[in-house]
Protein backbone atom coordinates (compact mmCIF):
# COMPACT_ATOMS: atom_id res chain seq x y z
CA MET A 1 57.80 30.39 150.69
CA LYS A 2 57.04 32.44 148.24
CA GLN A 3 58.75 35.10 146.73
CA GLN A 4 57.65 38.68 147.56
CA TRP A 5 57.98 41.01 144.55
CA PRO A 6 58.97 44.81 144.96
CA ARG A 7 56.70 47.42 144.17
CA ARG A 8 58.63 49.69 141.93
CA ALA A 9 59.63 53.40 142.89
CA VAL A 10 61.52 53.92 139.56
CA GLY A 11 59.62 57.29 139.10
CA LEU A 12 60.26 57.33 135.68
CA GLY A 13 57.21 59.68 134.87
CA ILE A 14 58.87 62.52 137.07
CA LEU A 15 62.12 62.82 135.85
CA GLY A 16 60.44 62.82 132.17
CA MET A 17 58.92 65.97 133.28
CA ALA A 18 62.46 67.40 134.23
CA VAL A 19 63.36 67.12 130.16
CA GLY A 20 63.68 70.72 130.01
CA LEU A 21 66.48 70.86 132.58
CA GLY A 22 70.12 70.85 130.85
CA PHE A 23 70.15 72.43 127.23
CA ALA A 24 72.22 74.65 128.00
CA SER A 25 75.01 72.10 127.10
CA VAL A 26 73.54 71.67 123.72
CA SER A 27 75.66 73.90 121.74
CA GLN A 28 78.41 72.70 123.53
CA ALA A 29 77.85 68.88 122.63
CA SER A 30 77.25 70.31 119.33
CA GLN A 31 80.60 71.92 118.46
CA ALA A 32 82.07 69.04 119.74
CA SER A 33 80.48 66.57 117.07
CA GLU A 34 81.92 66.82 114.22
CA THR A 35 82.84 63.75 112.13
CA SER A 36 86.44 63.00 111.42
CA GLU A 37 85.92 64.73 107.78
CA GLY A 38 85.69 67.96 109.87
CA LYS A 39 81.68 67.98 108.81
CA ALA A 40 79.30 68.96 111.47
CA TYR A 41 77.22 66.20 112.77
CA PRO A 42 75.04 64.62 111.14
CA ASN A 43 74.96 65.41 107.52
CA ARG A 44 73.96 62.51 105.68
CA MET A 45 71.00 59.94 106.17
CA ILE A 46 70.48 57.98 109.80
CA ARG A 47 68.99 54.45 109.74
CA LEU A 48 66.98 54.08 113.20
CA VAL A 49 66.83 50.37 113.72
CA VAL A 50 63.49 48.68 115.09
CA PRO A 51 64.76 45.19 116.34
CA PHE A 52 61.30 43.90 115.72
CA THR A 53 58.56 43.94 113.11
CA ALA A 54 56.75 46.66 111.93
CA GLY A 55 53.51 47.46 113.55
CA GLY A 56 54.41 47.28 117.38
CA SER A 57 54.53 49.65 119.90
CA SER A 58 58.51 50.11 119.52
CA ASP A 59 58.01 50.72 115.70
CA VAL A 60 55.33 53.49 116.38
CA GLN A 61 57.62 55.56 118.80
CA ALA A 62 60.33 54.98 116.23
CA ARG A 63 58.42 56.35 113.13
CA MET A 64 57.49 59.32 115.85
CA LEU A 65 61.10 59.79 116.54
CA ALA A 66 62.29 59.97 113.21
CA ASP A 67 59.96 62.06 111.48
CA ARG A 68 61.04 65.10 114.38
CA LEU A 69 64.44 64.34 114.31
CA GLY A 70 64.29 64.53 110.28
CA LYS A 71 63.26 67.84 110.64
CA LEU A 72 65.53 69.25 112.83
CA TYR A 73 68.90 67.77 111.25
CA LYS A 74 66.76 68.37 107.99
CA GLN A 75 68.06 64.66 106.79
CA ALA A 76 66.24 61.61 106.33
CA VAL A 77 65.96 59.54 109.50
CA VAL A 78 64.91 56.20 107.62
CA VAL A 79 63.35 53.72 109.88
CA GLU A 80 64.59 50.16 109.09
CA ASN A 81 63.10 46.81 110.84
CA ARG A 82 65.75 44.08 111.81
CA PRO A 83 63.35 41.31 114.18
CA GLY A 84 64.48 38.35 115.74
CA ALA A 85 66.20 36.64 118.50
CA GLY A 86 64.35 38.73 120.95
CA GLY A 87 65.44 42.23 119.41
CA HIS A 88 69.51 40.97 119.30
CA ILE A 89 69.83 40.36 115.68
CA GLY A 90 69.35 44.28 115.55
CA GLY A 91 70.72 45.10 118.66
CA LYS A 92 74.21 42.94 117.20
CA TYR A 93 73.68 44.97 114.09
CA VAL A 94 74.00 48.28 115.62
CA ALA A 95 76.71 47.33 117.80
CA ASP A 96 78.81 46.32 115.03
CA ALA A 97 77.91 49.54 113.47
CA PRO A 98 80.34 52.24 112.21
CA ALA A 99 81.06 54.63 115.12
CA ASP A 100 79.97 57.85 113.36
CA GLY A 101 76.30 58.05 114.86
CA TYR A 102 74.25 57.13 111.89
CA THR A 103 72.63 54.22 113.02
CA LEU A 104 70.69 54.37 115.90
CA LEU A 105 68.78 51.63 118.25
CA LEU A 106 64.92 51.90 119.34
CA GLY A 107 66.13 49.51 122.61
CA SER A 108 63.84 48.01 125.22
CA ILE A 109 63.63 45.87 127.88
CA GLY A 110 64.26 42.51 125.77
CA LEU A 111 67.78 44.29 124.48
CA HIS A 112 68.49 45.98 127.72
CA ALA A 113 67.38 44.27 130.75
CA THR A 114 65.99 40.71 130.04
CA TYR A 115 68.78 39.43 127.86
CA GLY A 116 70.31 36.98 130.63
CA VAL A 117 67.79 34.65 128.99
CA PHE A 118 69.76 34.35 126.35
CA LYS A 119 73.29 31.77 127.08
CA LYS A 120 74.57 32.28 123.50
CA LEU A 121 74.51 35.79 122.43
CA THR A 122 77.69 36.78 120.27
CA TYR A 123 78.05 40.24 121.67
CA ASP A 124 77.20 41.91 125.11
CA PRO A 125 74.53 44.92 125.01
CA ALA A 126 76.04 46.09 128.48
CA THR A 127 78.86 46.68 126.61
CA ASP A 128 78.51 47.08 123.15
CA LEU A 129 75.89 49.55 123.17
CA LYS A 130 75.83 52.89 124.18
CA VAL A 131 72.36 54.20 125.64
CA ILE A 132 71.54 57.65 124.87
CA THR A 133 68.09 58.02 126.76
CA VAL A 134 65.36 56.17 127.75
CA LEU A 135 63.03 57.11 125.72
CA ALA A 136 59.80 56.47 127.46
CA GLU A 137 57.32 53.74 129.51
CA MET A 138 54.08 52.49 129.63
CA PRO A 139 51.95 49.64 131.47
CA HIS A 140 51.22 46.53 129.63
CA VAL A 141 47.61 45.79 129.14
CA VAL A 142 46.49 42.14 129.99
CA VAL A 143 44.32 41.56 127.00
CA ALA A 144 42.25 38.24 126.62
CA ASN A 145 40.36 36.76 123.52
CA PRO A 146 36.83 38.11 124.06
CA ALA A 147 35.82 33.68 123.90
CA LEU A 148 37.85 33.11 127.36
CA PRO A 149 35.76 33.15 130.08
CA ALA A 150 37.42 35.49 132.52
CA ASN A 151 36.32 38.80 132.66
CA ASP A 152 38.93 40.14 135.40
CA LEU A 153 42.33 38.81 136.62
CA LYS A 154 40.92 36.67 139.73
CA GLN A 155 38.80 34.97 137.03
CA LEU A 156 41.68 34.47 135.11
CA VAL A 157 43.57 32.67 137.83
CA ALA A 158 40.70 31.05 138.95
CA LEU A 159 40.29 29.33 135.13
CA ALA A 160 44.07 28.70 135.17
CA ARG A 161 44.19 26.94 138.28
CA LYS A 162 40.89 24.68 137.42
CA GLU A 163 42.66 24.03 134.10
CA PRO A 164 46.36 24.30 134.37
CA ASN A 165 48.20 24.89 130.83
CA THR A 166 45.22 25.08 128.88
CA ILE A 167 45.88 29.10 128.69
CA ASN A 168 48.61 30.17 126.32
CA PHE A 169 49.75 33.79 126.06
CA GLY A 170 51.70 35.06 123.39
CA SER A 171 54.96 37.47 123.25
CA ALA A 172 57.08 39.21 121.00
CA GLY A 173 59.93 36.80 121.51
CA VAL A 174 61.59 35.24 124.51
CA GLY A 175 62.80 37.93 127.00
CA SER A 176 60.88 40.43 125.17
CA SER A 177 59.13 42.14 127.71
CA VAL A 178 55.17 41.03 126.77
CA HIS A 179 56.99 37.59 127.70
CA MET A 180 58.78 39.26 131.09
CA ILE A 181 55.39 40.76 132.13
CA GLY A 182 53.53 37.35 131.37
CA GLU A 183 55.80 35.86 133.39
CA LEU A 184 55.78 38.04 136.31
CA PHE A 185 52.16 37.55 136.58
CA LYS A 186 52.84 33.26 136.68
CA LEU A 187 55.47 33.81 140.02
CA THR A 188 53.12 36.62 141.39
CA SER A 189 49.86 34.80 141.04
CA ASP A 190 50.89 31.24 140.77
CA ALA A 191 48.72 30.53 137.62
CA PRO A 192 49.59 27.83 135.64
CA ILE A 193 49.41 29.60 132.26
CA THR A 194 51.78 28.80 128.59
CA HIS A 195 53.89 31.08 126.86
CA VAL A 196 53.83 30.73 123.24
CA PRO A 197 56.72 32.67 121.53
CA TYR A 198 56.46 34.62 118.08
CA LYS A 199 58.64 36.65 115.94
CA GLY A 200 57.29 40.01 117.18
CA SER A 201 54.04 40.84 118.47
CA THR A 202 51.98 41.61 115.60
CA ALA A 203 51.99 37.47 114.73
CA ALA A 204 51.06 37.44 118.82
CA LEU A 205 48.44 39.52 118.18
CA ASN A 206 46.75 38.18 115.23
CA ASP A 207 46.55 34.68 116.51
CA LEU A 208 45.09 36.12 119.58
CA LEU A 209 42.33 37.83 117.52
CA ALA A 210 41.96 34.76 115.90
CA GLY A 211 41.40 32.53 118.80
CA GLN A 212 44.43 30.74 118.45
CA ILE A 213 46.08 31.98 121.94
CA GLN A 214 43.70 33.21 124.90
CA LEU A 215 45.94 35.91 126.35
CA MET A 216 48.52 38.63 125.82
CA PHE A 217 50.40 41.07 128.20
CA GLU A 218 50.39 43.46 125.33
CA ASN A 219 51.54 47.22 124.75
CA PRO A 220 48.78 49.70 124.55
CA PRO A 221 49.80 51.10 121.25
CA THR A 222 48.77 47.95 119.34
CA THR A 223 45.65 47.11 121.81
CA LEU A 224 43.85 49.94 121.73
CA ALA A 225 41.62 49.72 118.68
CA HIS A 226 41.01 46.26 119.22
CA ILE A 227 39.47 46.75 122.89
CA ARG A 228 37.72 50.05 121.70
CA GLY A 229 36.44 47.96 118.72
CA GLY A 230 34.93 45.12 120.82
CA LYS A 231 37.65 42.51 119.44
CA LEU A 232 39.24 42.10 122.31
CA LYS A 233 38.68 42.67 126.34
CA ALA A 234 40.99 44.11 128.39
CA LEU A 235 41.46 42.37 132.06
CA ALA A 236 43.58 44.61 133.58
CA VAL A 237 46.82 47.38 133.44
CA THR A 238 49.89 46.75 134.82
CA GLY A 239 50.97 49.74 135.86
CA LYS A 240 50.39 52.01 139.07
CA ALA A 241 47.38 54.11 137.58
CA ARG A 242 44.85 53.29 135.19
CA LEU A 243 45.64 54.90 131.69
CA PRO A 244 43.70 57.65 130.78
CA ALA A 245 43.09 55.78 127.61
CA LEU A 246 41.56 53.24 128.92
CA PRO A 247 39.62 54.45 132.46
CA ASP A 248 37.13 52.17 132.94
CA VAL A 249 40.02 48.89 133.30
CA PRO A 250 41.76 48.64 136.34
CA THR A 251 45.02 48.44 137.70
CA ALA A 252 46.01 44.79 138.84
CA ILE A 253 47.13 46.45 142.22
CA GLU A 254 43.04 47.54 142.31
CA ALA A 255 42.45 43.87 141.06
CA GLY A 256 43.80 42.59 144.12
CA PHE A 257 47.39 41.67 142.59
CA PRO A 258 49.80 44.27 144.26
CA ALA A 259 52.82 42.30 143.12
CA PHE A 260 52.01 42.46 139.82
CA GLU A 261 53.25 45.54 138.62
CA ALA A 262 55.44 46.62 136.07
CA THR A 263 56.15 48.41 132.74
CA SER A 264 58.10 48.39 129.94
CA TRP A 265 60.30 51.43 128.15
CA THR A 266 62.27 51.70 125.19
CA THR A 267 65.55 53.73 124.62
CA VAL A 268 67.36 55.46 122.14
CA ALA A 269 71.02 53.78 121.63
CA VAL A 270 74.19 53.47 119.69
CA SER A 271 77.41 51.25 119.09
CA ALA A 272 79.37 51.71 122.46
CA LYS A 273 82.43 52.83 120.08
CA VAL A 274 80.38 56.40 119.16
CA PRO A 275 81.99 59.31 120.69
CA ASP A 276 80.55 60.91 123.61
CA ALA A 277 80.30 64.12 121.71
CA ILE A 278 77.79 62.71 119.47
CA ALA A 279 76.07 60.82 122.24
CA ASP A 280 75.73 63.95 124.24
CA LYS A 281 74.57 65.47 121.21
CA LEU A 282 71.69 62.62 120.17
CA ASN A 283 70.93 62.98 124.24
CA ALA A 284 70.20 66.86 123.70
CA ASP A 285 68.38 66.84 120.49
CA ILE A 286 66.11 64.00 121.90
CA ARG A 287 65.53 65.77 124.78
CA LYS A 288 64.22 68.54 122.67
CA ILE A 289 62.04 66.54 120.63
CA VAL A 290 60.22 64.85 123.29
CA SER A 291 60.26 68.32 125.55
CA ALA A 292 57.33 69.66 123.09
CA GLN A 293 53.78 69.13 124.00
CA GLU A 294 52.75 67.46 120.36
CA PHE A 295 55.42 65.08 120.89
CA ARG A 296 54.54 64.42 124.32
CA GLN A 297 50.46 64.02 123.88
CA GLY A 298 51.68 61.84 120.53
CA LEU A 299 53.29 59.54 123.24
CA SER A 300 50.18 59.92 125.78
CA ASP A 301 47.17 59.04 122.98
CA GLN A 302 49.46 55.95 122.39
CA GLY A 303 49.07 54.96 126.59
CA MET A 304 53.12 55.86 127.21
CA THR A 305 54.64 58.36 129.42
CA PRO A 306 57.84 60.45 127.89
CA VAL A 307 60.95 60.23 129.87
CA ALA A 308 63.56 61.69 127.74
CA ASN A 309 66.17 61.02 130.70
CA THR A 310 70.33 62.22 130.73
CA ARG A 311 72.55 59.55 129.76
CA ASP A 312 73.53 58.94 133.58
CA VAL A 313 70.41 58.82 134.61
CA ALA A 314 68.96 56.37 132.27
CA SER A 315 72.27 54.06 132.66
CA LYS A 316 71.69 53.67 136.56
CA PHE A 317 67.50 53.04 136.19
CA ILE A 318 68.80 50.11 133.23
CA ALA A 319 71.18 48.94 135.79
CA ALA A 320 68.37 48.65 138.05
CA GLU A 321 66.07 47.01 136.11
CA LYS A 322 68.56 44.62 134.92
CA VAL A 323 68.86 43.42 138.55
CA ARG A 324 64.80 43.71 138.90
CA TRP A 325 64.51 41.17 135.89
CA ASP A 326 67.24 38.72 136.31
CA LYS A 327 65.30 37.89 139.84
CA VAL A 328 62.38 36.78 137.55
CA ILE A 329 64.29 35.37 135.07
CA GLN A 330 66.48 32.89 137.76
CA GLN A 331 62.86 32.68 139.67
CA GLY A 332 60.84 31.50 136.60
CA ARG A 333 63.69 29.18 135.32
CA ILE A 334 63.32 31.34 132.04
CA VAL A 335 65.70 30.45 129.10
CA ALA A 336 65.87 30.95 125.48
CA GLU A 337 65.92 27.93 123.41
């Protein structure tokens, strides 16, 4: 009997509306977060590591955050792309960084919830990284090359069943959200499509535009311009509601696929060795940044919902997501080569 996938009721968007709560702890965190030299944190340049190639949605969010964080701290916040191994090259780099809070990570589903596809990781993301907050979440857009003779999900499934394994979907790498949401579609629709992993979404998107692959389950920030320009066609979005940026594109639920509902999300994380006082200060300051209307609108314009929750809420959410995506990995028998 085919497994039924439960609809999500995480309610991250609601949590994001509560970013204004809890700011009374900002001054206390600031007083407690001094370096070993006795200087207030931060007092020098901060690195924000993006574990994917430049140009993807993680990179977009990182640069938005780096700009605001740099202005708040009056210190340079430099975005550093360290792609590879589904994001785990960058993840391990941050896990191994000095415990001083000057190396941050823009994390993802792949880093925190779907790393079960990798059987030989040289670190444990659950224990070697400390999550500061869930920064934002977003649905994905099912996008196709215009040459694909399918204009909605039902036509896509019918075509895939008629011509099994002739439709290839690209991703940012094995275990990435772009990959896992595609696998969820395969499982819930019984559509025989083939995964083609790339080293980042940018390379996959380039091949989709060129017609080398036919399909992606991609983030909105990297697809909106191509959809509006007619270079890609949007078949559906994977969230509970339509995207304001794509009001004419139905949700998968509206298209008759109620089990195909998922969002991806990003985090800010540090090495697990970083003191809680610094982690708490970062949490309070990032929540302050995300509470600003300009920043929230910037995320919304890219199809993202701001979250910025507390460390405790973020940890509980990620634990639940890990359970959810482990089921997809097991059911789909997904293993990184």
